[in-house]
Amino acid sequence: MSLTQVDYHKSFHKLFIECLSQQRRPTEEEIDLIAGEIWRSSHGCVTGQPWTDVPRGSDAHRQMINAARAALGAHAKQLCASNDEQNLMTAA
């Protein structure tokens, strides 16, 4: 059994608590797993399209990734970092 198969069934709540207790940001793989769960719970159950068939870079893919980052508390931190970088570049 691969690592992805094991982590696939990790619940959002368990992952969120893990990240908080370990004071770490979720990995890109973990964000993708949560994005897939959000997709399956919303669009996937309506369309029948699996998350793996959603084209990377598409609007739908970006929306699900952003939703997963927001759900895991990683989105706001990333936006703050981006704004700080932009402020540094503007000041230079």
PDB file of N, CA and C in Angstrom:
ATOM      1  N   MET A   1       0.842  -1.177   0.000  1.00  0.00           N
ATOM      2  CA  MET A   1       0.000   0.000   0.000  1.00  0.00           C
ATOM      3  C   MET A   1       0.891   1.246   0.000  1.00  0.00           C
ATOM      4  N   SER A   2       0.606   2.170  -0.890  1.00  0.00           N
ATOM      5  CA  SER A   2       1.443   3.364  -0.995  1.00  0.00           C
ATOM      6  C   SER A   2       1.068   4.375   0.078  1.00  0.00           C
ATOM      7  N   LEU A   3       1.969   5.346   0.292  1.00  0.00           N
ATOM      8  CA  LEU A   3       1.741   6.411   1.260  1.00  0.00           C
ATOM      9  C   LEU A   3       0.488   7.193   0.909  1.00  0.00           C
ATOM     10  N   THR A   4       0.252   7.441  -0.371  1.00  0.00           N
ATOM     11  CA  THR A   4      -0.920   8.181  -0.809  1.00  0.00           C
ATOM     12  C   THR A   4      -2.193   7.444  -0.441  1.00  0.00           C
ATOM     13  N   GLN A   5      -2.213   6.128  -0.589  1.00  0.00           N
ATOM     14  CA  GLN A   5      -3.398   5.352  -0.237  1.00  0.00           C
ATOM     15  C   GLN A   5      -3.668   5.406   1.258  1.00  0.00           C
ATOM     16  N   VAL A   6      -2.621   5.390   2.056  1.00  0.00           N
ATOM     17  CA  VAL A   6      -2.791   5.461   3.496  1.00  0.00           C
ATOM     18  C   VAL A   6      -3.322   6.834   3.889  1.00  0.00           C
ATOM     19  N   ASP A   7      -2.718   7.902   3.376  1.00  0.00           N
ATOM     20  CA  ASP A   7      -3.102   9.262   3.725  1.00  0.00           C
ATOM     21  C   ASP A   7      -4.443   9.664   3.130  1.00  0.00           C
ATOM     22  N   TYR A   8      -4.862   9.001   2.087  1.00  0.00           N
ATOM     23  CA  TYR A   8      -6.094   9.342   1.388  1.00  0.00           C
ATOM     24  C   TYR A   8      -7.286   9.355   2.328  1.00  0.00           C
ATOM     25  N   HIS A   9      -7.297   8.466   3.292  1.00  0.00           N
ATOM     26  CA  HIS A   9      -8.431   8.336   4.193  1.00  0.00           C
ATOM     27  C   HIS A   9      -8.271   9.170   5.459  1.00  0.00           C
ATOM     28  N   LYS A  10      -7.199   9.963   5.558  1.00  0.00           N
ATOM     29  CA  LYS A  10      -7.008  10.822   6.713  1.00  0.00           C
ATOM     30  C   LYS A  10      -8.061  11.925   6.667  1.00  0.00           C
ATOM     31  N   SER A  11      -8.783  12.086   7.740  1.00  0.00           N
ATOM     32  CA  SER A  11      -9.844  13.087   7.745  1.00  0.00           C
ATOM     33  C   SER A  11      -9.267  14.487   7.849  1.00  0.00           C
ATOM     34  N   PHE A  12     -10.067  15.438   7.401  1.00  0.00           N
ATOM     35  CA  PHE A  12      -9.672  16.840   7.490  1.00  0.00           C
ATOM     36  C   PHE A  12      -9.380  17.211   8.937  1.00  0.00           C
ATOM     37  N   HIS A  13     -10.260  16.791   9.850  1.00  0.00           N
ATOM     38  CA  HIS A  13     -10.100  17.166  11.250  1.00  0.00           C
ATOM     39  C   HIS A  13      -8.794  16.631  11.835  1.00  0.00           C
ATOM     40  N   LYS A  14      -8.486  15.391  11.512  1.00  0.00           N
ATOM     41  CA  LYS A  14      -7.255  14.791  12.017  1.00  0.00           C
ATOM     42  C   LYS A  14      -6.033  15.528  11.462  1.00  0.00           C
ATOM     43  N   LEU A  15      -6.063  15.838  10.182  1.00  0.00           N
ATOM     44  CA  LEU A  15      -4.947  16.548   9.556  1.00  0.00           C
ATOM     45  C   LEU A  15      -4.803  17.949  10.136  1.00  0.00           C
ATOM     46  N   PHE A  16      -5.927  18.646  10.330  1.00  0.00           N
ATOM     47  CA  PHE A  16      -5.911  19.991  10.882  1.00  0.00           C
ATOM     48  C   PHE A  16      -5.307  19.986  12.286  1.00  0.00           C
ATOM     49  N   ILE A  17      -5.739  19.044  13.128  1.00  0.00           N
ATOM     50  CA  ILE A  17      -5.217  18.940  14.493  1.00  0.00           C
ATOM     51  C   ILE A  17      -3.730  18.608  14.469  1.00  0.00           C
ATOM     52  N   GLU A  18      -3.330  17.729  13.559  1.00  0.00           N
ATOM     53  CA  GLU A  18      -1.915  17.365  13.416  1.00  0.00           C
ATOM     54  C   GLU A  18      -1.069  18.590  13.096  1.00  0.00           C
ATOM     55  N   CYS A  19      -1.520  19.380  12.124  1.00  0.00           N
ATOM     56  CA  CYS A  19      -0.767  20.566  11.719  1.00  0.00           C
ATOM     57  C   CYS A  19      -0.679  21.578  12.864  1.00  0.00           C
ATOM     58  N   LEU A  20      -1.775  21.762  13.577  1.00  0.00           N
ATOM     59  CA  LEU A  20      -1.772  22.700  14.706  1.00  0.00           C
ATOM     60  C   LEU A  20      -0.868  22.213  15.829  1.00  0.00           C
ATOM     61  N   SER A  21      -1.006  20.951  16.202  1.00  0.00           N
ATOM     62  CA  SER A  21      -0.238  20.436  17.338  1.00  0.00           C
ATOM     63  C   SER A  21       1.258  20.387  17.029  1.00  0.00           C
ATOM     64  N   GLN A  22       1.594  20.128  15.778  1.00  0.00           N
ATOM     65  CA  GLN A  22       3.008  20.068  15.384  1.00  0.00           C
ATOM     66  C   GLN A  22       3.510  21.427  14.903  1.00  0.00           C
ATOM     67  N   GLN A  23       2.626  22.407  14.874  1.00  0.00           N
ATOM     68  CA  GLN A  23       2.938  23.758  14.406  1.00  0.00           C
ATOM     69  C   GLN A  23       3.658  23.730  13.058  1.00  0.00           C
ATOM     70  N   ARG A  24       3.009  23.042  12.134  1.00  0.00           N
ATOM     71  CA  ARG A  24       3.576  22.949  10.788  1.00  0.00           C
ATOM     72  C   ARG A  24       2.509  23.243   9.750  1.00  0.00           C
ATOM     73  N   ARG A  25       2.974  23.639   8.594  1.00  0.00           N
ATOM     74  CA  ARG A  25       2.072  23.863   7.475  1.00  0.00           C
ATOM     75  C   ARG A  25       1.806  22.526   6.792  1.00  0.00           C
ATOM     76  N   PRO A  26       0.630  22.366   6.219  1.00  0.00           N
ATOM     77  CA  PRO A  26       0.357  21.119   5.496  1.00  0.00           C
ATOM     78  C   PRO A  26       1.244  21.022   4.257  1.00  0.00           C
ATOM     79  N   THR A  27       1.577  19.806   3.894  1.00  0.00           N
ATOM     80  CA  THR A  27       2.368  19.593   2.682  1.00  0.00           C
ATOM     81  C   THR A  27       1.460  19.788   1.465  1.00  0.00           C
ATOM     82  N   GLU A  28       2.071  19.932   0.311  1.00  0.00           N
ATOM     83  CA  GLU A  28       1.289  20.070  -0.926  1.00  0.00           C
ATOM     84  C   GLU A  28       0.440  18.822  -1.161  1.00  0.00           C
ATOM     85  N   GLU A  29       0.974  17.655  -0.805  1.00  0.00           N
ATOM     86  CA  GLU A  29       0.211  16.412  -0.960  1.00  0.00           C
ATOM     87  C   GLU A  29      -1.011  16.421  -0.041  1.00  0.00           C
ATOM     88  N   GLU A  30      -0.840  16.889   1.192  1.00  0.00           N
ATOM     89  CA  GLU A  30      -1.959  16.954   2.126  1.00  0.00           C
ATOM     90  C   GLU A  30      -3.010  17.955   1.645  1.00  0.00           C
ATOM     91  N   ILE A  31      -2.561  19.077   1.117  1.00  0.00           N
ATOM     92  CA  ILE A  31      -3.496  20.069   0.572  1.00  0.00           C
ATOM     93  C   ILE A  31      -4.265  19.459  -0.588  1.00  0.00           C
ATOM     94  N   ASP A  32      -3.573  18.720  -1.440  1.00  0.00           N
ATOM     95  CA  ASP A  32      -4.225  18.073  -2.575  1.00  0.00           C
ATOM     96  C   ASP A  32      -5.249  17.034  -2.105  1.00  0.00           C
ATOM     97  N   LEU A  33      -4.925  16.292  -1.054  1.00  0.00           N
ATOM     98  CA  LEU A  33      -5.858  15.303  -0.521  1.00  0.00           C
ATOM     99  C   LEU A  33      -7.131  15.970  -0.004  1.00  0.00           C
ATOM    100  N   ILE A  34      -6.982  17.074   0.708  1.00  0.00           N
ATOM    101  CA  ILE A  34      -8.148  17.794   1.229  1.00  0.00           C
ATOM    102  C   ILE A  34      -8.923  18.433   0.083  1.00  0.00           C
ATOM    103  N   ALA A  35      -8.212  18.975  -0.903  1.00  0.00           N
ATOM    104  CA  ALA A  35      -8.885  19.551  -2.081  1.00  0.00           C
ATOM    105  C   ALA A  35      -9.723  18.479  -2.776  1.00  0.00           C
ATOM    106  N   GLY A  36      -9.184  17.279  -2.858  1.00  0.00           N
ATOM    107  CA  GLY A  36      -9.920  16.168  -3.462  1.00  0.00           C
ATOM    108  C   GLY A  36     -11.178  15.829  -2.677  1.00  0.00           C
ATOM    109  N   GLU A  37     -11.072  15.890  -1.348  1.00  0.00           N
ATOM    110  CA  GLU A  37     -12.244  15.630  -0.508  1.00  0.00           C
ATOM    111  C   GLU A  37     -13.297  16.713  -0.706  1.00  0.00           C
ATOM    112  N   ILE A  38     -12.865  17.958  -0.795  1.00  0.00           N
ATOM    113  CA  ILE A  38     -13.802  19.063  -1.032  1.00  0.00           C
ATOM    114  C   ILE A  38     -14.468  18.883  -2.391  1.00  0.00           C
ATOM    115  N   TRP A  39     -13.669  18.507  -3.394  1.00  0.00           N
ATOM    116  CA  TRP A  39     -14.219  18.276  -4.740  1.00  0.00           C
ATOM    117  C   TRP A  39     -15.270  17.159  -4.708  1.00  0.00           C
ATOM    118  N   ARG A  40     -14.918  16.040  -4.080  1.00  0.00           N
ATOM    119  CA  ARG A  40     -15.847  14.908  -4.029  1.00  0.00           C
ATOM    120  C   ARG A  40     -17.141  15.268  -3.307  1.00  0.00           C
ATOM    121  N   SER A  41     -17.026  16.078  -2.261  1.00  0.00           N
ATOM    122  CA  SER A  41     -18.213  16.456  -1.485  1.00  0.00           C
ATOM    123  C   SER A  41     -19.084  17.478  -2.187  1.00  0.00           C
ATOM    124  N   SER A  42     -18.513  18.221  -3.109  1.00  0.00           N
ATOM    125  CA  SER A  42     -19.282  19.267  -3.781  1.00  0.00           C
ATOM    126  C   SER A  42     -19.549  18.897  -5.233  1.00  0.00           C
ATOM    127  N   HIS A  43     -18.622  19.169  -6.099  1.00  0.00           N
ATOM    128  CA  HIS A  43     -18.811  18.967  -7.538  1.00  0.00           C
ATOM    129  C   HIS A  43     -18.764  17.509  -7.962  1.00  0.00           C
ATOM    130  N   GLY A  44     -17.880  16.753  -7.351  1.00  0.00           N
ATOM    131  CA  GLY A  44     -17.689  15.365  -7.768  1.00  0.00           C
ATOM    132  C   GLY A  44     -18.924  14.505  -7.612  1.00  0.00           C
ATOM    133  N   CYS A  45     -19.661  14.731  -6.526  1.00  0.00           N
ATOM    134  CA  CYS A  45     -20.860  13.903  -6.319  1.00  0.00           C
ATOM    135  C   CYS A  45     -21.964  14.284  -7.306  1.00  0.00           C
ATOM    136  N   VAL A  46     -21.907  15.499  -7.848  1.00  0.00           N
ATOM    137  CA  VAL A  46     -22.907  15.939  -8.824  1.00  0.00           C
ATOM    138  C   VAL A  46     -22.525  15.491 -10.236  1.00  0.00           C
ATOM    139  N   THR A  47     -21.255  15.704 -10.587  1.00  0.00           N
ATOM    140  CA  THR A  47     -20.804  15.417 -11.954  1.00  0.00           C
ATOM    141  C   THR A  47     -20.284  14.004 -12.134  1.00  0.00           C
ATOM    142  N   GLY A  48     -19.842  13.385 -11.043  1.00  0.00           N
ATOM    143  CA  GLY A  48     -19.247  12.058 -11.138  1.00  0.00           C
ATOM    144  C   GLY A  48     -17.787  12.100 -11.571  1.00  0.00           C
ATOM    145  N   GLN A  49     -17.243  13.296 -11.779  1.00  0.00           N
ATOM    146  CA  GLN A  49     -15.849  13.431 -12.212  1.00  0.00           C
ATOM    147  C   GLN A  49     -14.913  13.273 -11.015  1.00  0.00           C
ATOM    148  N   PRO A  50     -13.981  12.343 -11.081  1.00  0.00           N
ATOM    149  CA  PRO A  50     -13.028  12.190  -9.979  1.00  0.00           C
ATOM    150  C   PRO A  50     -12.048  13.360  -9.928  1.00  0.00           C
ATOM    151  N   TRP A  51     -11.547  13.640  -8.732  1.00  0.00           N
ATOM    152  CA  TRP A  51     -10.600  14.739  -8.521  1.00  0.00           C
ATOM    153  C   TRP A  51      -9.367  14.575  -9.412  1.00  0.00           C
ATOM    154  N   THR A  52      -8.919  13.362  -9.605  1.00  0.00           N
ATOM    155  CA  THR A  52      -7.716  13.132 -10.417  1.00  0.00           C
ATOM    156  C   THR A  52      -7.918  13.527 -11.876  1.00  0.00           C
ATOM    157  N   ASP A  53      -9.180  13.636 -12.328  1.00  0.00           N
ATOM    158  CA  ASP A  53      -9.464  14.042 -13.707  1.00  0.00           C
ATOM    159  C   ASP A  53      -9.651  15.545 -13.870  1.00  0.00           C
ATOM    160  N   VAL A  54      -9.628  16.294 -12.772  1.00  0.00           N
ATOM    161  CA  VAL A  54      -9.751  17.756 -12.865  1.00  0.00           C
ATOM    162  C   VAL A  54      -8.393  18.283 -13.320  1.00  0.00           C
ATOM    163  N   PRO A  55      -8.339  18.966 -14.458  1.00  0.00           N
ATOM    164  CA  PRO A  55      -7.051  19.424 -14.982  1.00  0.00           C
ATOM    165  C   PRO A  55      -6.339  20.395 -14.039  1.00  0.00           C
ATOM    166  N   ARG A  56      -5.079  20.100 -13.748  1.00  0.00           N
ATOM    167  CA  ARG A  56      -4.273  21.007 -12.925  1.00  0.00           C
ATOM    168  C   ARG A  56      -4.174  22.357 -13.626  1.00  0.00           C
ATOM    169  N   GLY A  57      -4.307  23.417 -12.840  1.00  0.00           N
ATOM    170  CA  GLY A  57      -4.230  24.757 -13.399  1.00  0.00           C
ATOM    171  C   GLY A  57      -5.576  25.296 -13.858  1.00  0.00           C
ATOM    172  N   SER A  58      -6.581  24.430 -13.908  1.00  0.00           N
ATOM    173  CA  SER A  58      -7.914  24.905 -14.311  1.00  0.00           C
ATOM    174  C   SER A  58      -8.517  25.721 -13.171  1.00  0.00           C
ATOM    175  N   ASP A  59      -9.550  26.499 -13.485  1.00  0.00           N
ATOM    176  CA  ASP A  59     -10.217  27.291 -12.458  1.00  0.00           C
ATOM    177  C   ASP A  59     -10.735  26.400 -11.337  1.00  0.00           C
ATOM    178  N   ALA A  60     -11.348  25.283 -11.707  1.00  0.00           N
ATOM    179  CA  ALA A  60     -11.899  24.369 -10.707  1.00  0.00           C
ATOM    180  C   ALA A  60     -10.796  23.833  -9.794  1.00  0.00           C
ATOM    181  N   HIS A  61      -9.663  23.476 -10.370  1.00  0.00           N
ATOM    182  CA  HIS A  61      -8.547  22.942  -9.585  1.00  0.00           C
ATOM    183  C   HIS A  61      -8.015  24.005  -8.626  1.00  0.00           C
ATOM    184  N   ARG A  62      -7.801  25.206  -9.133  1.00  0.00           N
ATOM    185  CA  ARG A  62      -7.303  26.295  -8.288  1.00  0.00           C
ATOM    186  C   ARG A  62      -8.277  26.601  -7.153  1.00  0.00           C
ATOM    187  N   GLN A  63      -9.569  26.598  -7.455  1.00  0.00           N
ATOM    188  CA  GLN A  63     -10.568  26.884  -6.429  1.00  0.00           C
ATOM    189  C   GLN A  63     -10.538  25.843  -5.321  1.00  0.00           C
ATOM    190  N   MET A  64     -10.413  24.593  -5.674  1.00  0.00           N
ATOM    191  CA  MET A  64     -10.385  23.529  -4.671  1.00  0.00           C
ATOM    192  C   MET A  64      -9.101  23.583  -3.841  1.00  0.00           C
ATOM    193  N   ILE A  65      -7.974  23.862  -4.496  1.00  0.00           N
ATOM    194  CA  ILE A  65      -6.698  23.989  -3.772  1.00  0.00           C
ATOM    195  C   ILE A  65      -6.773  25.169  -2.807  1.00  0.00           C
ATOM    196  N   ASN A  66      -7.312  26.297  -3.261  1.00  0.00           N
ATOM    197  CA  ASN A  66      -7.450  27.464  -2.389  1.00  0.00           C
ATOM    198  C   ASN A  66      -8.395  27.179  -1.235  1.00  0.00           C
ATOM    199  N   ALA A  67      -9.470  26.452  -1.496  1.00  0.00           N
ATOM    200  CA  ALA A  67     -10.409  26.084  -0.430  1.00  0.00           C
ATOM    201  C   ALA A  67      -9.721  25.186   0.594  1.00  0.00           C
ATOM    202  N   ALA A  68      -8.923  24.254   0.125  1.00  0.00           N
ATOM    203  CA  ALA A  68      -8.203  23.351   1.035  1.00  0.00           C
ATOM    204  C   ALA A  68      -7.192  24.131   1.870  1.00  0.00           C
ATOM    205  N   ARG A  69      -6.464  25.042   1.239  1.00  0.00           N
ATOM    206  CA  ARG A  69      -5.500  25.867   1.991  1.00  0.00           C
ATOM    207  C   ARG A  69      -6.217  26.703   3.039  1.00  0.00           C
ATOM    208  N   ALA A  70      -7.341  27.289   2.660  1.00  0.00           N
ATOM    209  CA  ALA A  70      -8.108  28.097   3.611  1.00  0.00           C
ATOM    210  C   ALA A  70      -8.618  27.229   4.758  1.00  0.00           C
ATOM    211  N   ALA A  71      -9.112  26.042   4.439  1.00  0.00           N
ATOM    212  CA  ALA A  71      -9.639  25.146   5.463  1.00  0.00           C
ATOM    213  C   ALA A  71      -8.559  24.719   6.447  1.00  0.00           C
ATOM    214  N   LEU A  72      -7.350  24.565   5.954  1.00  0.00           N
ATOM    215  CA  LEU A  72      -6.239  24.136   6.802  1.00  0.00           C
ATOM    216  C   LEU A  72      -5.493  25.309   7.431  1.00  0.00           C
ATOM    217  N   GLY A  73      -5.953  26.528   7.164  1.00  0.00           N
ATOM    218  CA  GLY A  73      -5.321  27.696   7.752  1.00  0.00           C
ATOM    219  C   GLY A  73      -4.023  28.088   7.081  1.00  0.00           C
ATOM    220  N   ALA A  74      -3.739  27.519   5.932  1.00  0.00           N
ATOM    221  CA  ALA A  74      -2.483  27.810   5.238  1.00  0.00           C
ATOM    222  C   ALA A  74      -2.637  28.939   4.235  1.00  0.00           C
ATOM    223  N   HIS A  75      -3.845  29.225   3.803  1.00  0.00           N
ATOM    224  CA  HIS A  75      -4.083  30.226   2.764  1.00  0.00           C
ATOM    225  C   HIS A  75      -3.741  31.627   3.259  1.00  0.00           C
ATOM    226  N   ALA A  76      -4.222  32.004   4.426  1.00  0.00           N
ATOM    227  CA  ALA A  76      -3.993  33.350   4.951  1.00  0.00           C
ATOM    228  C   ALA A  76      -2.506  33.590   5.165  1.00  0.00           C
ATOM    229  N   LYS A  77      -1.800  32.589   5.675  1.00  0.00           N
ATOM    230  CA  LYS A  77      -0.362  32.731   5.895  1.00  0.00           C
ATOM    231  C   LYS A  77       0.359  32.935   4.573  1.00  0.00           C
ATOM    232  N   GLN A  78      -0.073  32.214   3.550  1.00  0.00           N
ATOM    233  CA  GLN A  78       0.563  32.336   2.251  1.00  0.00           C
ATOM    234  C   GLN A  78       0.303  33.719   1.663  1.00  0.00           C
ATOM    235  N   LEU A  79      -0.931  34.221   1.817  1.00  0.00           N
ATOM    236  CA  LEU A  79      -1.256  35.546   1.313  1.00  0.00           C
ATOM    237  C   LEU A  79      -0.457  36.605   2.038  1.00  0.00           C
ATOM    238  N   CYS A  80      -0.301  36.469   3.353  1.00  0.00           N
ATOM    239  CA  CYS A  80       0.489  37.437   4.114  1.00  0.00           C
ATOM    240  C   CYS A  80       1.932  37.442   3.639  1.00  0.00           C
ATOM    241  N   ALA A  81       2.476  36.255   3.396  1.00  0.00           N
ATOM    242  CA  ALA A  81       3.851  36.159   2.913  1.00  0.00           C
ATOM    243  C   ALA A  81       3.974  36.820   1.546  1.00  0.00           C
ATOM    244  N   SER A  82       2.996  36.601   0.675  1.00  0.00           N
ATOM    245  CA  SER A  82       3.033  37.203  -0.654  1.00  0.00           C
ATOM    246  C   SER A  82       2.956  38.720  -0.562  1.00  0.00           C
ATOM    247  N   ASN A  83       2.100  39.231   0.308  1.00  0.00           N
ATOM    248  CA  ASN A  83       1.984  40.676   0.476  1.00  0.00           C
ATOM    249  C   ASN A  83       3.265  41.267   1.037  1.00  0.00           C
ATOM    250  N   ASP A  84       3.895  40.594   1.996  1.00  0.00           N
ATOM    251  CA  ASP A  84       5.163  41.059   2.551  1.00  0.00           C
ATOM    252  C   ASP A  84       6.237  41.113   1.471  1.00  0.00           C
ATOM    253  N   GLU A  85       6.287  40.084   0.622  1.00  0.00           N
ATOM    254  CA  GLU A  85       7.271  40.055  -0.460  1.00  0.00           C
ATOM    255  C   GLU A  85       7.029  41.210  -1.424  1.00  0.00           C
ATOM    256  N   GLN A  86       5.773  41.474  -1.734  1.00  0.00           N
ATOM    257  CA  GLN A  86       5.451  42.565  -2.657  1.00  0.00           C
ATOM    258  C   GLN A  86       5.836  43.911  -2.046  1.00  0.00           C
ATOM    259  N   ASN A  87       5.585  44.084  -0.746  1.00  0.00           N
ATOM    260  CA  ASN A  87       5.951  45.326  -0.077  1.00  0.00           C
ATOM    261  C   ASN A  87       7.451  45.532  -0.087  1.00  0.00           C
ATOM    262  N   LEU A  88       8.220  44.470   0.110  1.00  0.00           N
ATOM    263  CA  LEU A  88       9.674  44.571   0.064  1.00  0.00           C
ATOM    264  C   LEU A  88      10.161  44.951  -1.324  1.00  0.00           C
ATOM    265  N   MET A  89       9.536  44.359  -2.360  1.00  0.00           N
ATOM    266  CA  MET A  89       9.932  44.652  -3.732  1.00  0.00           C
ATOM    267  C   MET A  89       9.573  46.095  -4.090  1.00  0.00           C
ATOM    268  N   THR A  90       8.440  46.574  -3.612  1.00  0.00           N
ATOM    269  CA  THR A  90       7.991  47.935  -3.908  1.00  0.00           C
ATOM    270  C   THR A  90       8.894  48.950  -3.218  1.00  0.00           C
ATOM    271  N   ALA A  91       9.330  48.634  -1.989  1.00  0.00           N
ATOM    272  CA  ALA A  91      10.169  49.539  -1.220  1.00  0.00           C
ATOM    273  C   ALA A  91      11.578  49.634  -1.783  1.00  0.00           C
ATOM    274  N   ALA A  92      12.010  48.616  -2.502  1.00  0.00           N
ATOM    275  CA  ALA A  92      13.394  48.575  -3.000  1.00  0.00           C
ATOM    276  C   ALA A  92      13.619  49.470  -4.174  1.00  0.00           C
TER     277      ALA A  92
END
